Amino acid sequence: MATIVEYTDAKKPTNAYPDRIISPRAPGLCCYSKMEQIGSEQREEGWSFIYKRCKKCGFTVRQVVARDPRVIIKKGSRFDYQEMVGGQN
């Protein structure tokens, strides 16, 4: 799954969502209380995710919020559906 976030300390943090986000390589102490959602929920390859960015330092993460179960149970998937739902094989 591709990302629009570039992690680097060599460039100034920049929010050019939805095209590109430049983020510091590591979070700061401010990130625990200053994160905000950028844009709306997106879906790609069976994953639903949102981008969150620190209002103070610009650190950005992609947070997975859901996985489409239809992708998991597709033939050839490496996941065992019964194992995921707690059933016996």
PDB file of N, CA and C in Angstrom:
ATOM      1  N   MET A   1       0.852  -1.166   0.000  1.00  0.00           N
ATOM      2  CA  MET A   1       0.000   0.000   0.000  1.00  0.00           C
ATOM      3  C   MET A   1       0.904   1.237   0.000  1.00  0.00           C
ATOM      4  N   ALA A   2       0.776   2.048  -0.995  1.00  0.00           N
ATOM      5  CA  ALA A   2       1.595   3.255  -1.123  1.00  0.00           C
ATOM      6  C   ALA A   2       1.157   4.307  -0.104  1.00  0.00           C
ATOM      7  N   THR A   3       2.047   5.224   0.196  1.00  0.00           N
ATOM      8  CA  THR A   3       1.722   6.294   1.134  1.00  0.00           C
ATOM      9  C   THR A   3       2.116   7.644   0.540  1.00  0.00           C
ATOM     10  N   ILE A   4       1.431   8.683   0.963  1.00  0.00           N
ATOM     11  CA  ILE A   4       1.755  10.031   0.512  1.00  0.00           C
ATOM     12  C   ILE A   4       2.698  10.720   1.488  1.00  0.00           C
ATOM     13  N   VAL A   5       3.065  10.030   2.569  1.00  0.00           N
ATOM     14  CA  VAL A   5       3.914  10.619   3.602  1.00  0.00           C
ATOM     15  C   VAL A   5       5.386  10.352   3.299  1.00  0.00           C
ATOM     16  N   GLU A   6       6.173  11.400   3.332  1.00  0.00           N
ATOM     17  CA  GLU A   6       7.626  11.283   3.213  1.00  0.00           C
ATOM     18  C   GLU A   6       8.217  11.628   4.578  1.00  0.00           C
ATOM     19  N   TYR A   7       8.920  10.664   5.175  1.00  0.00           N
ATOM     20  CA  TYR A   7       9.531  10.878   6.485  1.00  0.00           C
ATOM     21  C   TYR A   7      10.977  11.323   6.302  1.00  0.00           C
ATOM     22  N   THR A   8      11.278  12.553   6.736  1.00  0.00           N
ATOM     23  CA  THR A   8      12.635  13.088   6.624  1.00  0.00           C
ATOM     24  C   THR A   8      12.823  14.220   7.627  1.00  0.00           C
ATOM     25  N   ASP A   9      14.040  14.368   8.095  1.00  0.00           N
ATOM     26  CA  ASP A   9      14.375  15.503   8.953  1.00  0.00           C
ATOM     27  C   ASP A   9      15.111  16.578   8.158  1.00  0.00           C
ATOM     28  N   ALA A  10      15.348  16.313   6.875  1.00  0.00           N
ATOM     29  CA  ALA A  10      16.093  17.244   6.024  1.00  0.00           C
ATOM     30  C   ALA A  10      15.201  18.321   5.399  1.00  0.00           C
ATOM     31  N   LYS A  11      13.876  18.131   5.464  1.00  0.00           N
ATOM     32  CA  LYS A  11      12.943  19.098   4.884  1.00  0.00           C
ATOM     33  C   LYS A  11      11.992  19.598   5.964  1.00  0.00           C
ATOM     34  N   LYS A  12      11.437  20.777   5.730  1.00  0.00           N
ATOM     35  CA  LYS A  12      10.464  21.359   6.648  1.00  0.00           C
ATOM     36  C   LYS A  12       9.150  20.569   6.561  1.00  0.00           C
ATOM     37  N   PRO A  13       8.524  20.229   7.714  1.00  0.00           N
ATOM     38  CA  PRO A  13       7.230  19.537   7.668  1.00  0.00           C
ATOM     39  C   PRO A  13       6.217  20.348   6.858  1.00  0.00           C
ATOM     40  N   THR A  14       5.541  19.664   5.944  1.00  0.00           N
ATOM     41  CA  THR A  14       4.608  20.318   5.032  1.00  0.00           C
ATOM     42  C   THR A  14       3.358  19.471   4.862  1.00  0.00           C
ATOM     43  N   ASN A  15       2.202  20.132   4.871  1.00  0.00           N
ATOM     44  CA  ASN A  15       0.939  19.444   4.628  1.00  0.00           C
ATOM     45  C   ASN A  15       0.409  19.875   3.266  1.00  0.00           C
ATOM     46  N   ALA A  16       0.635  19.049   2.260  1.00  0.00           N
ATOM     47  CA  ALA A  16       0.097  19.297   0.923  1.00  0.00           C
ATOM     48  C   ALA A  16      -0.926  18.205   0.601  1.00  0.00           C
ATOM     49  N   TYR A  17      -1.701  17.802   1.630  1.00  0.00           N
ATOM     50  CA  TYR A  17      -2.713  16.760   1.459  1.00  0.00           C
ATOM     51  C   TYR A  17      -3.671  17.183   0.362  1.00  0.00           C
ATOM     52  N   PRO A  18      -4.092  16.338  -0.520  1.00  0.00           N
ATOM     53  CA  PRO A  18      -3.926  14.885  -0.579  1.00  0.00           C
ATOM     54  C   PRO A  18      -2.752  14.423  -1.436  1.00  0.00           C
ATOM     55  N   ASP A  19      -1.918  15.348  -1.893  1.00  0.00           N
ATOM     56  CA  ASP A  19      -0.820  14.955  -2.780  1.00  0.00           C
ATOM     57  C   ASP A  19       0.411  14.457  -2.038  1.00  0.00           C
ATOM     58  N   ARG A  20       0.829  15.185  -1.025  1.00  0.00           N
ATOM     59  CA  ARG A  20       2.079  14.847  -0.339  1.00  0.00           C
ATOM     60  C   ARG A  20       2.084  15.441   1.058  1.00  0.00           C
ATOM     61  N   ILE A  21       2.661  14.719   2.015  1.00  0.00           N
ATOM     62  CA  ILE A  21       2.875  15.223   3.367  1.00  0.00           C
ATOM     63  C   ILE A  21       4.329  14.942   3.721  1.00  0.00           C
ATOM     64  N   ILE A  22       5.036  15.963   4.165  1.00  0.00           N
ATOM     65  CA  ILE A  22       6.407  15.773   4.635  1.00  0.00           C
ATOM     66  C   ILE A  22       6.361  15.809   6.154  1.00  0.00           C
ATOM     67  N   SER A  23       6.865  14.751   6.765  1.00  0.00           N
ATOM     68  CA  SER A  23       6.772  14.561   8.207  1.00  0.00           C
ATOM     69  C   SER A  23       8.151  14.333   8.808  1.00  0.00           C
ATOM     70  N   PRO A  24       8.373  14.807  10.049  1.00  0.00           N
ATOM     71  CA  PRO A  24       9.599  14.412  10.749  1.00  0.00           C
ATOM     72  C   PRO A  24       9.640  12.893  10.901  1.00  0.00           C
ATOM     73  N   ARG A  25      10.839  12.344  11.074  1.00  0.00           N
ATOM     74  CA  ARG A  25      10.998  10.888  11.172  1.00  0.00           C
ATOM     75  C   ARG A  25      10.475  10.314  12.486  1.00  0.00           C
ATOM     76  N   ALA A  26      10.429  11.106  13.536  1.00  0.00           N
ATOM     77  CA  ALA A  26      10.007  10.604  14.845  1.00  0.00           C
ATOM     78  C   ALA A  26       9.019  11.582  15.481  1.00  0.00           C
ATOM     79  N   PRO A  27       8.091  11.058  16.298  1.00  0.00           N
ATOM     80  CA  PRO A  27       7.135  11.940  16.974  1.00  0.00           C
ATOM     81  C   PRO A  27       7.807  12.729  18.092  1.00  0.00           C
ATOM     82  N   GLY A  28       7.197  13.827  18.450  1.00  0.00           N
ATOM     83  CA  GLY A  28       7.637  14.614  19.596  1.00  0.00           C
ATOM     84  C   GLY A  28       6.678  14.388  20.753  1.00  0.00           C
ATOM     85  N   LEU A  29       6.996  14.935  21.911  1.00  0.00           N
ATOM     86  CA  LEU A  29       6.098  14.812  23.062  1.00  0.00           C
ATOM     87  C   LEU A  29       4.754  15.470  22.787  1.00  0.00           C
ATOM     88  N   CYS A  30       4.737  16.469  21.924  1.00  0.00           N
ATOM     89  CA  CYS A  30       3.507  17.183  21.580  1.00  0.00           C
ATOM     90  C   CYS A  30       2.499  16.294  20.847  1.00  0.00           C
ATOM     91  N   CYS A  31       2.975  15.257  20.193  1.00  0.00           N
ATOM     92  CA  CYS A  31       2.115  14.429  19.338  1.00  0.00           C
ATOM     93  C   CYS A  31       1.034  13.675  20.118  1.00  0.00           C
ATOM     94  N   TYR A  32       1.255  13.430  21.385  1.00  0.00           N
ATOM     95  CA  TYR A  32       0.284  12.665  22.166  1.00  0.00           C
ATOM     96  C   TYR A  32      -1.004  13.431  22.410  1.00  0.00           C
ATOM     97  N   SER A  33      -0.951  14.755  22.332  1.00  0.00           N
ATOM     98  CA  SER A  33      -2.158  15.540  22.587  1.00  0.00           C
ATOM     99  C   SER A  33      -2.557  16.455  21.430  1.00  0.00           C
ATOM    100  N   LYS A  34      -1.751  16.538  20.392  1.00  0.00           N
ATOM    101  CA  LYS A  34      -2.012  17.504  19.314  1.00  0.00           C
ATOM    102  C   LYS A  34      -2.344  16.879  17.959  1.00  0.00           C
ATOM    103  N   MET A  35      -2.597  15.575  17.911  1.00  0.00           N
ATOM    104  CA  MET A  35      -2.884  14.928  16.626  1.00  0.00           C
ATOM    105  C   MET A  35      -4.294  15.268  16.151  1.00  0.00           C
ATOM    106  N   GLU A  36      -4.427  15.528  14.853  1.00  0.00           N
ATOM    107  CA  GLU A  36      -5.739  15.791  14.261  1.00  0.00           C
ATOM    108  C   GLU A  36      -5.855  15.025  12.950  1.00  0.00           C
ATOM    109  N   GLN A  37      -7.082  14.649  12.626  1.00  0.00           N
ATOM    110  CA  GLN A  37      -7.325  13.919  11.384  1.00  0.00           C
ATOM    111  C   GLN A  37      -7.213  14.869  10.205  1.00  0.00           C
ATOM    112  N   ILE A  38      -6.582  14.376   9.134  1.00  0.00           N
ATOM    113  CA  ILE A  38      -6.470  15.141   7.890  1.00  0.00           C
ATOM    114  C   ILE A  38      -7.305  14.422   6.839  1.00  0.00           C
ATOM    115  N   GLY A  39      -8.241  15.116   6.230  1.00  0.00           N
ATOM    116  CA  GLY A  39      -9.063  14.509   5.184  1.00  0.00           C
ATOM    117  C   GLY A  39     -10.055  13.505   5.748  1.00  0.00           C
ATOM    118  N   SER A  40     -10.620  12.718   4.851  1.00  0.00           N
ATOM    119  CA  SER A  40     -11.627  11.738   5.251  1.00  0.00           C
ATOM    120  C   SER A  40     -11.052  10.327   5.170  1.00  0.00           C
ATOM    121  N   GLU A  41     -11.822   9.378   5.670  1.00  0.00           N
ATOM    122  CA  GLU A  41     -11.402   7.978   5.635  1.00  0.00           C
ATOM    123  C   GLU A  41     -11.229   7.530   4.187  1.00  0.00           C
ATOM    124  N   GLN A  42     -10.161   6.780   3.943  1.00  0.00           N
ATOM    125  CA  GLN A  42      -9.869   6.279   2.600  1.00  0.00           C
ATOM    126  C   GLN A  42      -9.822   4.762   2.622  1.00  0.00           C
ATOM    127  N   ARG A  43     -10.062   4.151   1.470  1.00  0.00           N
ATOM    128  CA  ARG A  43     -10.008   2.694   1.347  1.00  0.00           C
ATOM    129  C   ARG A  43      -9.043   2.329   0.230  1.00  0.00           C
ATOM    130  N   GLU A  44      -8.192   1.338   0.530  1.00  0.00           N
ATOM    131  CA  GLU A  44      -7.232   0.872  -0.463  1.00  0.00           C
ATOM    132  C   GLU A  44      -6.863  -0.566  -0.137  1.00  0.00           C
ATOM    133  N   GLU A  45      -6.971  -1.443  -1.125  1.00  0.00           N
ATOM    134  CA  GLU A  45      -6.592  -2.848  -0.991  1.00  0.00           C
ATOM    135  C   GLU A  45      -7.240  -3.523   0.219  1.00  0.00           C
ATOM    136  N   GLY A  46      -8.499  -3.188   0.481  1.00  0.00           N
ATOM    137  CA  GLY A  46      -9.221  -3.812   1.581  1.00  0.00           C
ATOM    138  C   GLY A  46      -8.975  -3.192   2.944  1.00  0.00           C
ATOM    139  N   TRP A  47      -8.198  -2.145   3.017  1.00  0.00           N
ATOM    140  CA  TRP A  47      -7.924  -1.451   4.273  1.00  0.00           C
ATOM    141  C   TRP A  47      -8.649  -0.108   4.280  1.00  0.00           C
ATOM    142  N   SER A  48      -9.173   0.292   5.427  1.00  0.00           N
ATOM    143  CA  SER A  48      -9.706   1.638   5.614  1.00  0.00           C
ATOM    144  C   SER A  48      -8.752   2.363   6.553  1.00  0.00           C
ATOM    145  N   PHE A  49      -8.365   3.579   6.199  1.00  0.00           N
ATOM    146  CA  PHE A  49      -7.400   4.296   7.022  1.00  0.00           C
ATOM    147  C   PHE A  49      -7.627   5.799   6.949  1.00  0.00           C
ATOM    148  N   ILE A  50      -7.050   6.496   7.925  1.00  0.00           N
ATOM    149  CA  ILE A  50      -7.058   7.952   7.956  1.00  0.00           C
ATOM    150  C   ILE A  50      -5.626   8.422   8.211  1.00  0.00           C
ATOM    151  N   TYR A  51      -5.343   9.643   7.822  1.00  0.00           N
ATOM    152  CA  TYR A  51      -4.061  10.263   8.150  1.00  0.00           C
ATOM    153  C   TYR A  51      -4.274  11.155   9.366  1.00  0.00           C
ATOM    154  N   LYS A  52      -3.324  11.106  10.301  1.00  0.00           N
ATOM    155  CA  LYS A  52      -3.341  11.991  11.462  1.00  0.00           C
ATOM    156  C   LYS A  52      -2.018  12.735  11.502  1.00  0.00           C
ATOM    157  N   ARG A  53      -2.102  14.032  11.811  1.00  0.00           N
ATOM    158  CA  ARG A  53      -0.910  14.891  11.803  1.00  0.00           C
ATOM    159  C   ARG A  53      -0.901  15.753  13.053  1.00  0.00           C
ATOM    160  N   CYS A  54       0.279  15.910  13.637  1.00  0.00           N
ATOM    161  CA  CYS A  54       0.440  16.739  14.828  1.00  0.00           C
ATOM    162  C   CYS A  54       0.344  18.212  14.426  1.00  0.00           C
ATOM    163  N   LYS A  55      -0.510  18.950  15.117  1.00  0.00           N
ATOM    164  CA  LYS A  55      -0.694  20.369  14.815  1.00  0.00           C
ATOM    165  C   LYS A  55       0.546  21.197  15.139  1.00  0.00           C
ATOM    166  N   LYS A  56       1.388  20.691  16.037  1.00  0.00           N
ATOM    167  CA  LYS A  56       2.557  21.472  16.460  1.00  0.00           C
ATOM    168  C   LYS A  56       3.817  21.168  15.641  1.00  0.00           C
ATOM    169  N   CYS A  57       4.181  19.888  15.521  1.00  0.00           N
ATOM    170  CA  CYS A  57       5.466  19.554  14.873  1.00  0.00           C
ATOM    171  C   CYS A  57       5.323  18.973  13.466  1.00  0.00           C
ATOM    172  N   GLY A  58       4.112  18.549  13.078  1.00  0.00           N
ATOM    173  CA  GLY A  58       3.898  18.031  11.733  1.00  0.00           C
ATOM    174  C   GLY A  58       4.093  16.534  11.561  1.00  0.00           C
ATOM    175  N   PHE A  59       4.409  15.808  12.655  1.00  0.00           N
ATOM    176  CA  PHE A  59       4.570  14.355  12.542  1.00  0.00           C
ATOM    177  C   PHE A  59       3.249  13.749  12.077  1.00  0.00           C
ATOM    178  N   THR A  60       3.320  12.827  11.109  1.00  0.00           N
ATOM    179  CA  THR A  60       2.123  12.267  10.482  1.00  0.00           C
ATOM    180  C   THR A  60       2.160  10.748  10.492  1.00  0.00           C
ATOM    181  N   VAL A  61       1.000  10.137  10.725  1.00  0.00           N
ATOM    182  CA  VAL A  61       0.860   8.684  10.662  1.00  0.00           C
ATOM    183  C   VAL A  61      -0.378   8.338   9.848  1.00  0.00           C
ATOM    184  N   ARG A  62      -0.371   7.133   9.319  1.00  0.00           N
ATOM    185  CA  ARG A  62      -1.564   6.594   8.669  1.00  0.00           C
ATOM    186  C   ARG A  62      -2.137   5.577   9.644  1.00  0.00           C
ATOM    187  N   GLN A  63      -3.333   5.831  10.134  1.00  0.00           N
ATOM    188  CA  GLN A  63      -3.963   4.965  11.120  1.00  0.00           C
ATOM    189  C   GLN A  63      -4.992   4.075  10.433  1.00  0.00           C
ATOM    190  N   VAL A  64      -4.791   2.771  10.534  1.00  0.00           N
ATOM    191  CA  VAL A  64      -5.751   1.822   9.976  1.00  0.00           C
ATOM    192  C   VAL A  64      -6.947   1.771  10.915  1.00  0.00           C
ATOM    193  N   VAL A  65      -8.148   1.947  10.354  1.00  0.00           N
ATOM    194  CA  VAL A  65      -9.350   1.941  11.178  1.00  0.00           C
ATOM    195  C   VAL A  65     -10.205   0.699  10.955  1.00  0.00           C
ATOM    196  N   ALA A  66     -10.011   0.001   9.838  1.00  0.00           N
ATOM    197  CA  ALA A  66     -10.799  -1.211   9.580  1.00  0.00           C
ATOM    198  C   ALA A  66     -10.156  -2.037   8.474  1.00  0.00           C
ATOM    199  N   ARG A  67     -10.475  -3.311   8.471  1.00  0.00           N
ATOM    200  CA  ARG A  67     -10.039  -4.242   7.422  1.00  0.00           C
ATOM    201  C   ARG A  67     -11.292  -4.887   6.868  1.00  0.00           C
ATOM    202  N   ASP A  68     -11.457  -4.882   5.572  1.00  0.00           N
ATOM    203  CA  ASP A  68     -12.622  -5.480   4.931  1.00  0.00           C
ATOM    204  C   ASP A  68     -12.536  -6.997   5.067  1.00  0.00           C
ATOM    205  N   PRO A  69     -13.465  -7.635   5.785  1.00  0.00           N
ATOM    206  CA  PRO A  69     -13.383  -9.088   5.991  1.00  0.00           C
ATOM    207  C   PRO A  69     -13.525  -9.889   4.704  1.00  0.00           C
ATOM    208  N   ARG A  70     -14.131  -9.320   3.667  1.00  0.00           N
ATOM    209  CA  ARG A  70     -14.254 -10.045   2.396  1.00  0.00           C
ATOM    210  C   ARG A  70     -12.889 -10.292   1.775  1.00  0.00           C
ATOM    211  N   VAL A  71     -11.943  -9.396   2.007  1.00  0.00           N
ATOM    212  CA  VAL A  71     -10.590  -9.578   1.490  1.00  0.00           C
ATOM    213  C   VAL A  71      -9.900 -10.708   2.238  1.00  0.00           C
ATOM    214  N   ILE A  72     -10.157 -10.803   3.529  1.00  0.00           N
ATOM    215  CA  ILE A  72      -9.513 -11.811   4.365  1.00  0.00           C
ATOM    216  C   ILE A  72      -9.937 -13.219   3.970  1.00  0.00           C
ATOM    217  N   ILE A  73     -11.207 -13.405   3.619  1.00  0.00           N
ATOM    218  CA  ILE A  73     -11.700 -14.756   3.345  1.00  0.00           C
ATOM    219  C   ILE A  73     -11.621 -15.140   1.869  1.00  0.00           C
ATOM    220  N   LYS A  74     -11.053 -14.261   1.034  1.00  0.00           N
ATOM    221  CA  LYS A  74     -10.888 -14.603  -0.377  1.00  0.00           C
ATOM    222  C   LYS A  74     -10.008 -15.833  -0.528  1.00  0.00           C
ATOM    223  N   LYS A  75     -10.286 -16.616  -1.551  1.00  0.00           N
ATOM    224  CA  LYS A  75      -9.479 -17.793  -1.829  1.00  0.00           C
ATOM    225  C   LYS A  75      -8.030 -17.376  -2.059  1.00  0.00           C
ATOM    226  N   GLY A  76      -7.127 -18.089  -1.431  1.00  0.00           N
ATOM    227  CA  GLY A  76      -5.713 -17.791  -1.574  1.00  0.00           C
ATOM    228  C   GLY A  76      -5.191 -16.832  -0.528  1.00  0.00           C
ATOM    229  N   SER A  77      -6.077 -16.362   0.343  1.00  0.00           N
ATOM    230  CA  SER A  77      -5.631 -15.466   1.397  1.00  0.00           C
ATOM    231  C   SER A  77      -4.770 -16.230   2.388  1.00  0.00           C
ATOM    232  N   ARG A  78      -3.773 -15.576   2.956  1.00  0.00           N
ATOM    233  CA  ARG A  78      -2.921 -16.254   3.926  1.00  0.00           C
ATOM    234  C   ARG A  78      -3.532 -16.251   5.322  1.00  0.00           C
ATOM    235  N   PHE A  79      -4.706 -15.657   5.475  1.00  0.00           N
ATOM    236  CA  PHE A  79      -5.380 -15.635   6.761  1.00  0.00           C
ATOM    237  C   PHE A  79      -6.370 -16.789   6.851  1.00  0.00           C
ATOM    238  N   ASP A  80      -6.478 -17.368   8.007  1.00  0.00           N
ATOM    239  CA  ASP A  80      -7.457 -18.415   8.261  1.00  0.00           C
ATOM    240  C   ASP A  80      -8.653 -17.757   8.938  1.00  0.00           C
ATOM    241  N   TYR A  81      -9.785 -17.701   8.251  1.00  0.00           N
ATOM    242  CA  TYR A  81     -10.958 -17.010   8.767  1.00  0.00           C
ATOM    243  C   TYR A  81     -11.402 -17.577  10.109  1.00  0.00           C
ATOM    244  N   GLN A  82     -11.448 -18.900  10.254  1.00  0.00           N
ATOM    245  CA  GLN A  82     -11.882 -19.504  11.510  1.00  0.00           C
ATOM    246  C   GLN A  82     -10.967 -19.092  12.664  1.00  0.00           C
ATOM    247  N   GLU A  83      -9.691 -19.004  12.385  1.00  0.00           N
ATOM    248  CA  GLU A  83      -8.740 -18.590  13.414  1.00  0.00           C
ATOM    249  C   GLU A  83      -9.011 -17.153  13.848  1.00  0.00           C
ATOM    250  N   MET A  84      -9.377 -16.303  12.886  1.00  0.00           N
ATOM    251  CA  MET A  84      -9.616 -14.897  13.205  1.00  0.00           C
ATOM    252  C   MET A  84     -10.868 -14.696  14.038  1.00  0.00           C
ATOM    253  N   VAL A  85     -11.908 -15.514  13.811  1.00  0.00           N
ATOM    254  CA  VAL A  85     -13.150 -15.350  14.555  1.00  0.00           C
ATOM    255  C   VAL A  85     -13.200 -16.235  15.789  1.00  0.00           C
ATOM    256  N   GLY A  86     -12.132 -16.964  16.052  1.00  0.00           N
ATOM    257  CA  GLY A  86     -12.061 -17.760  17.267  1.00  0.00           C
ATOM    258  C   GLY A  86     -12.660 -19.145  17.152  1.00  0.00           C
ATOM    259  N   GLY A  87     -12.945 -19.594  15.931  1.00  0.00           N
ATOM    260  CA  GLY A  87     -13.516 -20.926  15.734  1.00  0.00           C
ATOM    261  C   GLY A  87     -12.465 -22.013  15.740  1.00  0.00           C
ATOM    262  N   GLN A  88     -12.924 -23.239  15.755  1.00  0.00           N
ATOM    263  CA  GLN A  88     -12.029 -24.395  15.710  1.00  0.00           C
ATOM    264  C   GLN A  88     -11.819 -24.808  14.262  1.00  0.00           C
ATOM    265  N   ASN A  89     -10.618 -25.228  13.928  1.00  0.00           N
ATOM    266  CA  ASN A  89     -10.333 -25.720  12.575  1.00  0.00           C
ATOM    267  C   ASN A  89     -10.738 -27.160  12.437  1.00  0.00           C
TER     268      ASN A  89
END
